[in-house]
Amino acid sequence: VVVIASWRVHPEVWVGDITKGEEKTEPTPANISWFLAVMVTMVV
């Protein structure tokens, strides 16, 4: 749910993944928030 929601709301979070690391995902507050949401989901 978190991954699909991040794709719907802020797909640019996944630029690094879909470019196979050729482009870096910018560390914007939204991108950091989605990363933290994914991590919290897994840890919780």
PDB file of all heavy atoms in Angstrom:
ATOM      1  N   VAL A   1       0.839  -1.202   0.000  1.00  0.00           N
ATOM      2  CA  VAL A   1       0.000   0.000   0.000  1.00  0.00           C
ATOM      3  C   VAL A   1       0.874   1.252   0.000  1.00  0.00           C
ATOM      4  O   VAL A   1       0.628   2.201  -0.756  1.00  0.00           O
ATOM      5  CB  VAL A   1      -0.966  -0.009   1.210  1.00  0.00           C
ATOM      6  CG1 VAL A   1      -1.598   1.359   1.430  1.00  0.00           C
ATOM      7  CG2 VAL A   1      -2.032  -1.070   1.029  1.00  0.00           C
ATOM      8  N   VAL A   2       1.920   1.261   0.828  1.00  0.00           N
ATOM      9  CA  VAL A   2       2.807   2.431   0.889  1.00  0.00           C
ATOM     10  C   VAL A   2       3.537   2.622  -0.442  1.00  0.00           C
ATOM     11  O   VAL A   2       3.633   3.745  -0.949  1.00  0.00           O
ATOM     12  CB  VAL A   2       3.807   2.302   2.062  1.00  0.00           C
ATOM     13  CG1 VAL A   2       4.868   3.390   2.003  1.00  0.00           C
ATOM     14  CG2 VAL A   2       3.076   2.350   3.396  1.00  0.00           C
ATOM     15  N   VAL A   3       4.028   1.539  -1.032  1.00  0.00           N
ATOM     16  CA  VAL A   3       4.752   1.650  -2.302  1.00  0.00           C
ATOM     17  C   VAL A   3       3.829   2.137  -3.416  1.00  0.00           C
ATOM     18  O   VAL A   3       4.185   3.063  -4.161  1.00  0.00           O
ATOM     19  CB  VAL A   3       5.415   0.302  -2.677  1.00  0.00           C
ATOM     20  CG1 VAL A   3       5.923   0.317  -4.105  1.00  0.00           C
ATOM     21  CG2 VAL A   3       6.554  -0.011  -1.719  1.00  0.00           C
ATOM     22  N   ILE A   4       2.652   1.556  -3.530  1.00  0.00           N
ATOM     23  CA  ILE A   4       1.710   1.965  -4.579  1.00  0.00           C
ATOM     24  C   ILE A   4       1.259   3.410  -4.343  1.00  0.00           C
ATOM     25  O   ILE A   4       1.166   4.206  -5.296  1.00  0.00           O
ATOM     26  CB  ILE A   4       0.492   1.014  -4.643  1.00  0.00           C
ATOM     27  CG1 ILE A   4       0.937  -0.399  -5.007  1.00  0.00           C
ATOM     28  CG2 ILE A   4      -0.559   1.532  -5.623  1.00  0.00           C
ATOM     29  CD1 ILE A   4       1.591  -0.546  -6.354  1.00  0.00           C
ATOM     30  N   ALA A   5       1.020   3.777  -3.087  1.00  0.00           N
ATOM     31  CA  ALA A   5       0.625   5.160  -2.781  1.00  0.00           C
ATOM     32  C   ALA A   5       1.738   6.133  -3.168  1.00  0.00           C
ATOM     33  O   ALA A   5       1.466   7.202  -3.722  1.00  0.00           O
ATOM     34  CB  ALA A   5       0.289   5.295  -1.300  1.00  0.00           C
ATOM     35  N   SER A   6       2.978   5.760  -2.904  1.00  0.00           N
ATOM     36  CA  SER A   6       4.086   6.646  -3.265  1.00  0.00           C
ATOM     37  C   SER A   6       4.182   6.803  -4.786  1.00  0.00           C
ATOM     38  O   SER A   6       4.487   7.883  -5.281  1.00  0.00           O
ATOM     39  CB  SER A   6       5.407   6.138  -2.689  1.00  0.00           C
ATOM     40  OG  SER A   6       5.822   4.951  -3.314  1.00  0.00           O
ATOM     41  N   TRP A   7       3.904   5.732  -5.531  1.00  0.00           N
ATOM     42  CA  TRP A   7       3.898   5.819  -6.996  1.00  0.00           C
ATOM     43  C   TRP A   7       2.787   6.727  -7.477  1.00  0.00           C
ATOM     44  O   TRP A   7       2.947   7.444  -8.459  1.00  0.00           O
ATOM     45  CB  TRP A   7       3.723   4.434  -7.615  1.00  0.00           C
ATOM     46  CG  TRP A   7       5.009   3.821  -8.029  1.00  0.00           C
ATOM     47  CD1 TRP A   7       5.721   2.881  -7.351  1.00  0.00           C
ATOM     48  CD2 TRP A   7       5.754   4.102  -9.210  1.00  0.00           C
ATOM     49  NE1 TRP A   7       6.857   2.569  -8.046  1.00  0.00           N
ATOM     50  CE2 TRP A   7       6.904   3.301  -9.191  1.00  0.00           C
ATOM     51  CE3 TRP A   7       5.557   4.965 -10.294  1.00  0.00           C
ATOM     52  CZ2 TRP A   7       7.858   3.322 -10.201  1.00  0.00           C
ATOM     53  CZ3 TRP A   7       6.506   4.986 -11.299  1.00  0.00           C
ATOM     54  CH2 TRP A   7       7.647   4.172 -11.238  1.00  0.00           C
ATOM     55  N   ARG A   8       1.642   6.680  -6.813  1.00  0.00           N
ATOM     56  CA  ARG A   8       0.509   7.511  -7.228  1.00  0.00           C
ATOM     57  C   ARG A   8       0.729   8.979  -6.889  1.00  0.00           C
ATOM     58  O   ARG A   8       0.400   9.852  -7.669  1.00  0.00           O
ATOM     59  CB  ARG A   8      -0.785   7.025  -6.555  1.00  0.00           C
ATOM     60  CG  ARG A   8      -1.268   5.667  -6.993  1.00  0.00           C
ATOM     61  CD  ARG A   8      -1.913   5.722  -8.308  1.00  0.00           C
ATOM     62  NE  ARG A   8      -2.976   6.715  -8.277  1.00  0.00           N
ATOM     63  CZ  ARG A   8      -3.962   6.772  -9.108  1.00  0.00           C
ATOM     64  NH1 ARG A   8      -4.042   5.898 -10.056  1.00  0.00           N
ATOM     65  NH2 ARG A   8      -4.881   7.698  -9.029  1.00  0.00           N
ATOM     66  N   VAL A   9       1.282   9.257  -5.699  1.00  0.00           N
ATOM     67  CA  VAL A   9       1.392  10.626  -5.211  1.00  0.00           C
ATOM     68  C   VAL A   9       2.694  11.299  -5.650  1.00  0.00           C
ATOM     69  O   VAL A   9       2.681  12.439  -6.097  1.00  0.00           O
ATOM     70  CB  VAL A   9       1.263  10.657  -3.668  1.00  0.00           C
ATOM     71  CG1 VAL A   9       1.429  12.053  -3.125  1.00  0.00           C
ATOM     72  CG2 VAL A   9      -0.075  10.075  -3.234  1.00  0.00           C
ATOM     73  N   HIS A  10       3.813  10.616  -5.491  1.00  0.00           N
ATOM     74  CA  HIS A  10       5.128  11.168  -5.830  1.00  0.00           C
ATOM     75  C   HIS A  10       5.954  10.123  -6.577  1.00  0.00           C
ATOM     76  O   HIS A  10       6.896   9.558  -6.026  1.00  0.00           O
ATOM     77  CB  HIS A  10       5.896  11.593  -4.562  1.00  0.00           C
ATOM     78  CG  HIS A  10       5.372  12.812  -3.918  1.00  0.00           C
ATOM     79  ND1 HIS A  10       4.620  12.775  -2.769  1.00  0.00           N
ATOM     80  CD2 HIS A  10       5.480  14.115  -4.271  1.00  0.00           C
ATOM     81  CE1 HIS A  10       4.290  14.001  -2.437  1.00  0.00           C
ATOM     82  NE2 HIS A  10       4.801  14.835  -3.334  1.00  0.00           N
ATOM     83  N   PRO A  11       5.663   9.876  -7.844  1.00  0.00           N
ATOM     84  CA  PRO A  11       6.399   8.837  -8.577  1.00  0.00           C
ATOM     85  C   PRO A  11       7.885   9.141  -8.734  1.00  0.00           C
ATOM     86  O   PRO A  11       8.685   8.227  -8.917  1.00  0.00           O
ATOM     87  CB  PRO A  11       5.689   8.775  -9.929  1.00  0.00           C
ATOM     88  CG  PRO A  11       4.972  10.065 -10.057  1.00  0.00           C
ATOM     89  CD  PRO A  11       4.648  10.516  -8.667  1.00  0.00           C
ATOM     90  N   GLU A  12       8.263  10.409  -8.605  1.00  0.00           N
ATOM     91  CA  GLU A  12       9.682  10.747  -8.753  1.00  0.00           C
ATOM     92  C   GLU A  12      10.545  10.127  -7.657  1.00  0.00           C
ATOM     93  O   GLU A  12      11.767  10.082  -7.777  1.00  0.00           O
ATOM     94  CB  GLU A  12       9.869  12.267  -8.801  1.00  0.00           C
ATOM     95  CG  GLU A  12       9.507  13.008  -7.539  1.00  0.00           C
ATOM     96  CD  GLU A  12       8.014  13.328  -7.415  1.00  0.00           C
ATOM     97  OE1 GLU A  12       7.238  13.027  -8.326  1.00  0.00           O
ATOM     98  OE2 GLU A  12       7.641  13.877  -6.370  1.00  0.00           O
ATOM     99  N   VAL A  13       9.919   9.632  -6.603  1.00  0.00           N
ATOM    100  CA  VAL A  13      10.651   8.927  -5.547  1.00  0.00           C
ATOM    101  C   VAL A  13      11.407   7.729  -6.137  1.00  0.00           C
ATOM    102  O   VAL A  13      12.465   7.353  -5.654  1.00  0.00           O
ATOM    103  CB  VAL A  13       9.670   8.446  -4.447  1.00  0.00           C
ATOM    104  CG1 VAL A  13      10.321   7.496  -3.480  1.00  0.00           C
ATOM    105  CG2 VAL A  13       9.078   9.635  -3.713  1.00  0.00           C
ATOM    106  N   TRP A  14      10.872   7.160  -7.200  1.00  0.00           N
ATOM    107  CA  TRP A  14      11.398   5.917  -7.751  1.00  0.00           C
ATOM    108  C   TRP A  14      12.292   6.112  -8.970  1.00  0.00           C
ATOM    109  O   TRP A  14      12.633   5.144  -9.644  1.00  0.00           O
ATOM    110  CB  TRP A  14      10.232   4.986  -8.092  1.00  0.00           C
ATOM    111  CG  TRP A  14       9.425   4.706  -6.870  1.00  0.00           C
ATOM    112  CD1 TRP A  14       8.258   5.283  -6.493  1.00  0.00           C
ATOM    113  CD2 TRP A  14       9.780   3.811  -5.820  1.00  0.00           C
ATOM    114  NE1 TRP A  14       7.855   4.801  -5.280  1.00  0.00           N
ATOM    115  CE2 TRP A  14       8.761   3.888  -4.843  1.00  0.00           C
ATOM    116  CE3 TRP A  14      10.848   2.937  -5.608  1.00  0.00           C
ATOM    117  CZ2 TRP A  14       8.788   3.145  -3.671  1.00  0.00           C
ATOM    118  CZ3 TRP A  14      10.874   2.193  -4.441  1.00  0.00           C
ATOM    119  CH2 TRP A  14       9.856   2.297  -3.494  1.00  0.00           C
ATOM    120  N   VAL A  15      12.706   7.353  -9.268  1.00  0.00           N
ATOM    121  CA  VAL A  15      13.552   7.623 -10.434  1.00  0.00           C
ATOM    122  C   VAL A  15      14.839   6.814 -10.374  1.00  0.00           C
ATOM    123  O   VAL A  15      15.267   6.228 -11.374  1.00  0.00           O
ATOM    124  CB  VAL A  15      13.859   9.135 -10.563  1.00  0.00           C
ATOM    125  CG1 VAL A  15      14.985   9.388 -11.548  1.00  0.00           C
ATOM    126  CG2 VAL A  15      12.616   9.882 -10.986  1.00  0.00           C
ATOM    127  N   GLY A  16      15.478   6.736  -9.230  1.00  0.00           N
ATOM    128  CA  GLY A  16      16.718   5.968  -9.101  1.00  0.00           C
ATOM    129  C   GLY A  16      16.520   4.501  -9.425  1.00  0.00           C
ATOM    130  O   GLY A  16      17.377   3.869 -10.038  1.00  0.00           O
ATOM    131  N   ASP A  17      15.372   3.958  -9.041  1.00  0.00           N
ATOM    132  CA  ASP A  17      15.093   2.543  -9.317  1.00  0.00           C
ATOM    133  C   ASP A  17      14.816   2.296 -10.791  1.00  0.00           C
ATOM    134  O   ASP A  17      15.337   1.336 -11.366  1.00  0.00           O
ATOM    135  CB  ASP A  17      13.903   2.064  -8.494  1.00  0.00           C
ATOM    136  CG  ASP A  17      14.236   1.865  -7.034  1.00  0.00           C
ATOM    137  OD1 ASP A  17      15.205   2.496  -6.562  1.00  0.00           O
ATOM    138  OD2 ASP A  17      13.535   1.091  -6.364  1.00  0.00           O
ATOM    139  N   ILE A  18      13.978   3.155 -11.397  1.00  0.00           N
ATOM    140  CA  ILE A  18      13.599   2.869 -12.773  1.00  0.00           C
ATOM    141  C   ILE A  18      14.687   3.224 -13.778  1.00  0.00           C
ATOM    142  O   ILE A  18      14.642   2.774 -14.906  1.00  0.00           O
ATOM    143  CB  ILE A  18      12.259   3.532 -13.170  1.00  0.00           C
ATOM    144  CG1 ILE A  18      12.339   5.045 -13.092  1.00  0.00           C
ATOM    145  CG2 ILE A  18      11.130   3.016 -12.320  1.00  0.00           C
ATOM    146  CD1 ILE A  18      11.081   5.747 -13.573  1.00  0.00           C
ATOM    147  N   THR A  19      15.677   4.024 -13.349  1.00  0.00           N
ATOM    148  CA  THR A  19      16.809   4.311 -14.237  1.00  0.00           C
ATOM    149  C   THR A  19      18.010   3.435 -13.890  1.00  0.00           C
ATOM    150  O   THR A  19      19.109   3.669 -14.387  1.00  0.00           O
ATOM    151  CB  THR A  19      17.220   5.794 -14.160  1.00  0.00           C
ATOM    152  OG1 THR A  19      17.665   6.091 -12.828  1.00  0.00           O
ATOM    153  CG2 THR A  19      16.101   6.709 -14.591  1.00  0.00           C
ATOM    154  N   LYS A  20      17.794   2.445 -13.051  1.00  0.00           N
ATOM    155  CA  LYS A  20      18.844   1.504 -12.635  1.00  0.00           C
ATOM    156  C   LYS A  20      20.037   2.234 -12.030  1.00  0.00           C
ATOM    157  O   LYS A  20      21.184   1.867 -12.231  1.00  0.00           O
ATOM    158  CB  LYS A  20      19.295   0.633 -13.795  1.00  0.00           C
ATOM    159  CG  LYS A  20      18.178  -0.138 -14.440  1.00  0.00           C
ATOM    160  CD  LYS A  20      18.699  -0.913 -15.625  1.00  0.00           C
ATOM    161  CE  LYS A  20      17.601  -1.098 -16.626  1.00  0.00           C
ATOM    162  NZ  LYS A  20      18.066  -1.584 -17.887  1.00  0.00           N
ATOM    163  N   GLY A  21      19.755   3.311 -11.295  1.00  0.00           N
ATOM    164  CA  GLY A  21      20.795   4.050 -10.608  1.00  0.00           C
ATOM    165  C   GLY A  21      21.508   5.088 -11.447  1.00  0.00           C
ATOM    166  O   GLY A  21      22.400   5.774 -10.953  1.00  0.00           O
ATOM    167  N   GLU A  22      21.132   5.208 -12.723  1.00  0.00           N
ATOM    168  CA  GLU A  22      21.791   6.198 -13.587  1.00  0.00           C
ATOM    169  C   GLU A  22      21.443   7.619 -13.173  1.00  0.00           C
ATOM    170  O   GLU A  22      22.249   8.523 -13.310  1.00  0.00           O
ATOM    171  CB  GLU A  22      21.415   5.954 -15.051  1.00  0.00           C
ATOM    172  CG  GLU A  22      21.985   4.660 -15.597  1.00  0.00           C
ATOM    173  CD  GLU A  22      21.462   4.331 -16.986  1.00  0.00           C
ATOM    174  OE1 GLU A  22      20.797   5.191 -17.599  1.00  0.00           O
ATOM    175  OE2 GLU A  22      21.718   3.207 -17.443  1.00  0.00           O
ATOM    176  N   GLU A  23      20.233   7.826 -12.685  1.00  0.00           N
ATOM    177  CA  GLU A  23      19.825   9.117 -12.138  1.00  0.00           C
ATOM    178  C   GLU A  23      19.546   8.905 -10.658  1.00  0.00           C
ATOM    179  O   GLU A  23      18.967   7.901 -10.262  1.00  0.00           O
ATOM    180  CB  GLU A  23      18.563   9.636 -12.825  1.00  0.00           C
ATOM    181  CG  GLU A  23      18.775  10.112 -14.229  1.00  0.00           C
ATOM    182  CD  GLU A  23      17.515  10.748 -14.798  1.00  0.00           C
ATOM    183  OE1 GLU A  23      16.806  11.463 -14.058  1.00  0.00           O
ATOM    184  OE2 GLU A  23      17.248  10.512 -15.977  1.00  0.00           O
ATOM    185  N   LYS A  24      19.944   9.848  -9.861  1.00  0.00           N
ATOM    186  CA  LYS A  24      19.726   9.754  -8.422  1.00  0.00           C
ATOM    187  C   LYS A  24      18.392  10.386  -8.053  1.00  0.00           C
ATOM    188  O   LYS A  24      17.958  11.370  -8.659  1.00  0.00           O
ATOM    189  CB  LYS A  24      20.853  10.451  -7.646  1.00  0.00           C
ATOM    190  CG  LYS A  24      22.218   9.858  -7.914  1.00  0.00           C
ATOM    191  CD  LYS A  24      22.292   8.450  -7.372  1.00  0.00           C
ATOM    192  CE  LYS A  24      23.657   7.850  -7.610  1.00  0.00           C
ATOM    193  NZ  LYS A  24      23.720   6.443  -7.488  1.00  0.00           N
ATOM    194  N   THR A  25      17.758   9.819  -7.048  1.00  0.00           N
ATOM    195  CA  THR A  25      16.540  10.402  -6.517  1.00  0.00           C
ATOM    196  C   THR A  25      16.944  11.573  -5.625  1.00  0.00           C
ATOM    197  O   THR A  25      17.761  11.408  -4.722  1.00  0.00           O
ATOM    198  CB  THR A  25      15.747   9.356  -5.704  1.00  0.00           C
ATOM    199  OG1 THR A  25      15.440   8.253  -6.550  1.00  0.00           O
ATOM    200  CG2 THR A  25      14.470   9.945  -5.155  1.00  0.00           C
ATOM    201  N   GLU A  26      16.390  12.731  -5.896  1.00  0.00           N
ATOM    202  CA  GLU A  26      16.711  13.921  -5.113  1.00  0.00           C
ATOM    203  C   GLU A  26      16.191  13.762  -3.682  1.00  0.00           C
ATOM    204  O   GLU A  26      15.066  13.298  -3.478  1.00  0.00           O
ATOM    205  CB  GLU A  26      16.087  15.165  -5.753  1.00  0.00           C
ATOM    206  CG  GLU A  26      16.663  15.508  -7.104  1.00  0.00           C
ATOM    207  CD  GLU A  26      18.136  15.864  -7.043  1.00  0.00           C
ATOM    208  OE1 GLU A  26      18.560  16.544  -6.093  1.00  0.00           O
ATOM    209  OE2 GLU A  26      18.870  15.437  -7.960  1.00  0.00           O
ATOM    210  N   PRO A  27      16.974  14.162  -2.679  1.00  0.00           N
ATOM    211  CA  PRO A  27      16.534  14.034  -1.284  1.00  0.00           C
ATOM    212  C   PRO A  27      15.599  15.169  -0.854  1.00  0.00           C
ATOM    213  O   PRO A  27      15.918  15.961   0.019  1.00  0.00           O
ATOM    214  CB  PRO A  27      17.844  14.056  -0.501  1.00  0.00           C
ATOM    215  CG  PRO A  27      18.785  14.847  -1.349  1.00  0.00           C
ATOM    216  CD  PRO A  27      18.373  14.581  -2.773  1.00  0.00           C
ATOM    217  N   THR A  28      14.431  15.251  -1.487  1.00  0.00           N
ATOM    218  CA  THR A  28      13.443  16.262  -1.113  1.00  0.00           C
ATOM    219  C   THR A  28      12.689  15.780   0.127  1.00  0.00           C
ATOM    220  O   THR A  28      12.706  14.584   0.447  1.00  0.00           O
ATOM    221  CB  THR A  28      12.442  16.487  -2.261  1.00  0.00           C
ATOM    222  OG1 THR A  28      11.696  15.283  -2.463  1.00  0.00           O
ATOM    223  CG2 THR A  28      13.139  16.903  -3.550  1.00  0.00           C
ATOM    224  N   PRO A  29      12.008  16.682   0.834  1.00  0.00           N
ATOM    225  CA  PRO A  29      11.231  16.249   2.005  1.00  0.00           C
ATOM    226  C   PRO A  29      10.205  15.163   1.678  1.00  0.00           C
ATOM    227  O   PRO A  29      10.021  14.224   2.455  1.00  0.00           O
ATOM    228  CB  PRO A  29      10.545  17.541   2.472  1.00  0.00           C
ATOM    229  CG  PRO A  29      11.467  18.628   2.027  1.00  0.00           C
ATOM    230  CD  PRO A  29      12.032  18.144   0.710  1.00  0.00           C
ATOM    231  N   ALA A  30       9.561  15.260   0.515  1.00  0.00           N
ATOM    232  CA  ALA A  30       8.574  14.238   0.129  1.00  0.00           C
ATOM    233  C   ALA A  30       9.250  12.890  -0.077  1.00  0.00           C
ATOM    234  O   ALA A  30       8.746  11.854   0.375  1.00  0.00           O
ATOM    235  CB  ALA A  30       7.841  14.657  -1.138  1.00  0.00           C
ATOM    236  N   ASN A  31      10.385  12.872  -0.767  1.00  0.00           N
ATOM    237  CA  ASN A  31      11.094  11.619  -1.017  1.00  0.00           C
ATOM    238  C   ASN A  31      11.573  10.989   0.288  1.00  0.00           C
ATOM    239  O   ASN A  31      11.480   9.775   0.469  1.00  0.00           O
ATOM    240  CB  ASN A  31      12.271  11.849  -1.955  1.00  0.00           C
ATOM    241  CG  ASN A  31      11.825  12.277  -3.332  1.00  0.00           C
ATOM    242  OD1 ASN A  31      10.646  12.239  -3.654  1.00  0.00           O
ATOM    243  ND2 ASN A  31      12.758  12.710  -4.142  1.00  0.00           N
ATOM    244  N   ILE A  32      12.077  11.812   1.188  1.00  0.00           N
ATOM    245  CA  ILE A  32      12.532  11.299   2.483  1.00  0.00           C
ATOM    246  C   ILE A  32      11.347  10.766   3.278  1.00  0.00           C
ATOM    247  O   ILE A  32      11.440   9.716   3.924  1.00  0.00           O
ATOM    248  CB  ILE A  32      13.291  12.405   3.255  1.00  0.00           C
ATOM    249  CG1 ILE A  32      14.605  12.716   2.531  1.00  0.00           C
ATOM    250  CG2 ILE A  32      13.542  11.989   4.697  1.00  0.00           C
ATOM    251  CD1 ILE A  32      15.319  13.953   3.023  1.00  0.00           C
ATOM    252  N   SER A  33      10.220  11.447   3.213  1.00  0.00           N
ATOM    253  CA  SER A  33       9.020  10.997   3.925  1.00  0.00           C
ATOM    254  C   SER A  33       8.557   9.632   3.434  1.00  0.00           C
ATOM    255  O   SER A  33       8.198   8.766   4.233  1.00  0.00           O
ATOM    256  CB  SER A  33       7.889  12.013   3.761  1.00  0.00           C
ATOM    257  OG  SER A  33       8.241  13.234   4.334  1.00  0.00           O
ATOM    258  N   TRP A  34       8.550   9.438   2.109  1.00  0.00           N
ATOM    259  CA  TRP A  34       8.131   8.143   1.574  1.00  0.00           C
ATOM    260  C   TRP A  34       9.116   7.048   1.949  1.00  0.00           C
ATOM    261  O   TRP A  34       8.726   5.927   2.280  1.00  0.00           O
ATOM    262  CB  TRP A  34       7.945   8.213   0.057  1.00  0.00           C
ATOM    263  CG  TRP A  34       6.669   8.884  -0.312  1.00  0.00           C
ATOM    264  CD1 TRP A  34       6.524  10.097  -0.909  1.00  0.00           C
ATOM    265  CD2 TRP A  34       5.338   8.407  -0.073  1.00  0.00           C
ATOM    266  NE1 TRP A  34       5.190  10.392  -1.060  1.00  0.00           N
ATOM    267  CE2 TRP A  34       4.444   9.374  -0.559  1.00  0.00           C
ATOM    268  CE3 TRP A  34       4.824   7.261   0.508  1.00  0.00           C
ATOM    269  CZ2 TRP A  34       3.060   9.227  -0.480  1.00  0.00           C
ATOM    270  CZ3 TRP A  34       3.442   7.110   0.576  1.00  0.00           C
ATOM    271  CH2 TRP A  34       2.578   8.084   0.086  1.00  0.00           C
ATOM    272  N   PHE A  35      10.408   7.351   1.917  1.00  0.00           N
ATOM    273  CA  PHE A  35      11.415   6.375   2.328  1.00  0.00           C
ATOM    274  C   PHE A  35      11.187   5.984   3.790  1.00  0.00           C
ATOM    275  O   PHE A  35      11.216   4.787   4.127  1.00  0.00           O
ATOM    276  CB  PHE A  35      12.825   6.939   2.142  1.00  0.00           C
ATOM    277  CG  PHE A  35      13.897   6.060   2.706  1.00  0.00           C
ATOM    278  CD1 PHE A  35      14.292   4.913   2.032  1.00  0.00           C
ATOM    279  CD2 PHE A  35      14.493   6.357   3.925  1.00  0.00           C
ATOM    280  CE1 PHE A  35      15.275   4.088   2.560  1.00  0.00           C
ATOM    281  CE2 PHE A  35      15.463   5.538   4.462  1.00  0.00           C
ATOM    282  CZ  PHE A  35      15.863   4.395   3.779  1.00  0.00           C
ATOM    283  N   LEU A  36      10.952   6.962   4.637  1.00  0.00           N
ATOM    284  CA  LEU A  36      10.702   6.674   6.051  1.00  0.00           C
ATOM    285  C   LEU A  36       9.415   5.868   6.237  1.00  0.00           C
ATOM    286  O   LEU A  36       9.355   4.976   7.091  1.00  0.00           O
ATOM    287  CB  LEU A  36      10.655   7.965   6.862  1.00  0.00           C
ATOM    288  CG  LEU A  36      11.988   8.681   7.024  1.00  0.00           C
ATOM    289  CD1 LEU A  36      11.798  10.015   7.740  1.00  0.00           C
ATOM    290  CD2 LEU A  36      12.989   7.805   7.761  1.00  0.00           C
ATOM    291  N   ALA A  37       8.395   6.167   5.444  1.00  0.00           N
ATOM    292  CA  ALA A  37       7.141   5.403   5.533  1.00  0.00           C
ATOM    293  C   ALA A  37       7.369   3.936   5.191  1.00  0.00           C
ATOM    294  O   ALA A  37       6.849   3.037   5.865  1.00  0.00           O
ATOM    295  CB  ALA A  37       6.086   6.017   4.614  1.00  0.00           C
ATOM    296  N   VAL A  38       8.171   3.685   4.155  1.00  0.00           N
ATOM    297  CA  VAL A  38       8.491   2.304   3.783  1.00  0.00           C
ATOM    298  C   VAL A  38       9.263   1.618   4.915  1.00  0.00           C
ATOM    299  O   VAL A  38       8.955   0.492   5.312  1.00  0.00           O
ATOM    300  CB  VAL A  38       9.290   2.263   2.456  1.00  0.00           C
ATOM    301  CG1 VAL A  38       9.894   0.900   2.218  1.00  0.00           C
ATOM    302  CG2 VAL A  38       8.404   2.657   1.292  1.00  0.00           C
ATOM    303  N   MET A  39      10.265   2.305   5.454  1.00  0.00           N
ATOM    304  CA  MET A  39      11.086   1.716   6.522  1.00  0.00           C
ATOM    305  C   MET A  39      10.261   1.465   7.787  1.00  0.00           C
ATOM    306  O   MET A  39      10.368   0.404   8.411  1.00  0.00           O
ATOM    307  CB  MET A  39      12.285   2.616   6.841  1.00  0.00           C
ATOM    308  CG  MET A  39      13.292   2.712   5.724  1.00  0.00           C
ATOM    309  SD  MET A  39      13.903   1.116   5.137  1.00  0.00           S
ATOM    310  CE  MET A  39      14.744   0.532   6.580  1.00  0.00           C
ATOM    311  N   VAL A  40       9.444   2.423   8.170  1.00  0.00           N
ATOM    312  CA  VAL A  40       8.614   2.257   9.367  1.00  0.00           C
ATOM    313  C   VAL A  40       7.647   1.098   9.189  1.00  0.00           C
ATOM    314  O   VAL A  40       7.438   0.303  10.113  1.00  0.00           O
ATOM    315  CB  VAL A  40       7.871   3.578   9.702  1.00  0.00           C
ATOM    316  CG1 VAL A  40       6.762   3.357  10.709  1.00  0.00           C
ATOM    317  CG2 VAL A  40       8.863   4.610  10.213  1.00  0.00           C
ATOM    318  N   THR A  41       7.070   0.978   8.013  1.00  0.00           N
ATOM    319  CA  THR A  41       6.157  -0.141   7.746  1.00  0.00           C
ATOM    320  C   THR A  41       6.861  -1.477   7.966  1.00  0.00           C
ATOM    321  O   THR A  41       6.317  -2.374   8.616  1.00  0.00           O
ATOM    322  CB  THR A  41       5.629  -0.072   6.297  1.00  0.00           C
ATOM    323  OG1 THR A  41       4.954   1.164   6.120  1.00  0.00           O
ATOM    324  CG2 THR A  41       4.695  -1.212   5.987  1.00  0.00           C
ATOM    325  N   MET A  42       8.075  -1.597   7.438  1.00  0.00           N
ATOM    326  CA  MET A  42       8.801  -2.864   7.588  1.00  0.00           C
ATOM    327  C   MET A  42       9.210  -3.109   9.035  1.00  0.00           C
ATOM    328  O   MET A  42       9.054  -4.221   9.552  1.00  0.00           O
ATOM    329  CB  MET A  42      10.013  -2.890   6.663  1.00  0.00           C
ATOM    330  CG  MET A  42       9.618  -2.989   5.203  1.00  0.00           C
ATOM    331  SD  MET A  42      10.999  -3.226   4.081  1.00  0.00           S
ATOM    332  CE  MET A  42      11.857  -1.683   4.224  1.00  0.00           C
ATOM    333  N   VAL A  43       9.733  -2.097   9.717  1.00  0.00           N
ATOM    334  CA  VAL A  43      10.180  -2.287  11.102  1.00  0.00           C
ATOM    335  C   VAL A  43       8.996  -2.567  12.018  1.00  0.00           C
ATOM    336  O   VAL A  43       9.062  -3.474  12.858  1.00  0.00           O
ATOM    337  CB  VAL A  43      10.996  -1.063  11.590  1.00  0.00           C
ATOM    338  CG1 VAL A  43      11.257  -1.147  13.076  1.00  0.00           C
ATOM    339  CG2 VAL A  43      12.307  -0.965  10.829  1.00  0.00           C
ATOM    340  N   VAL A  44       7.909  -1.833  11.866  1.00  0.00           N
ATOM    341  CA  VAL A  44       6.741  -2.052  12.713  1.00  0.00           C
ATOM    342  C   VAL A  44       6.151  -3.441  12.464  1.00  0.00           C
ATOM    343  O   VAL A  44       5.806  -4.162  13.410  1.00  0.00           O
ATOM    344  CB  VAL A  44       5.684  -0.940  12.502  1.00  0.00           C
ATOM    345  CG1 VAL A  44       4.354  -1.308  13.135  1.00  0.00           C
ATOM    346  CG2 VAL A  44       6.200   0.371  13.065  1.00  0.00           C
TER     347      VAL A  44
END
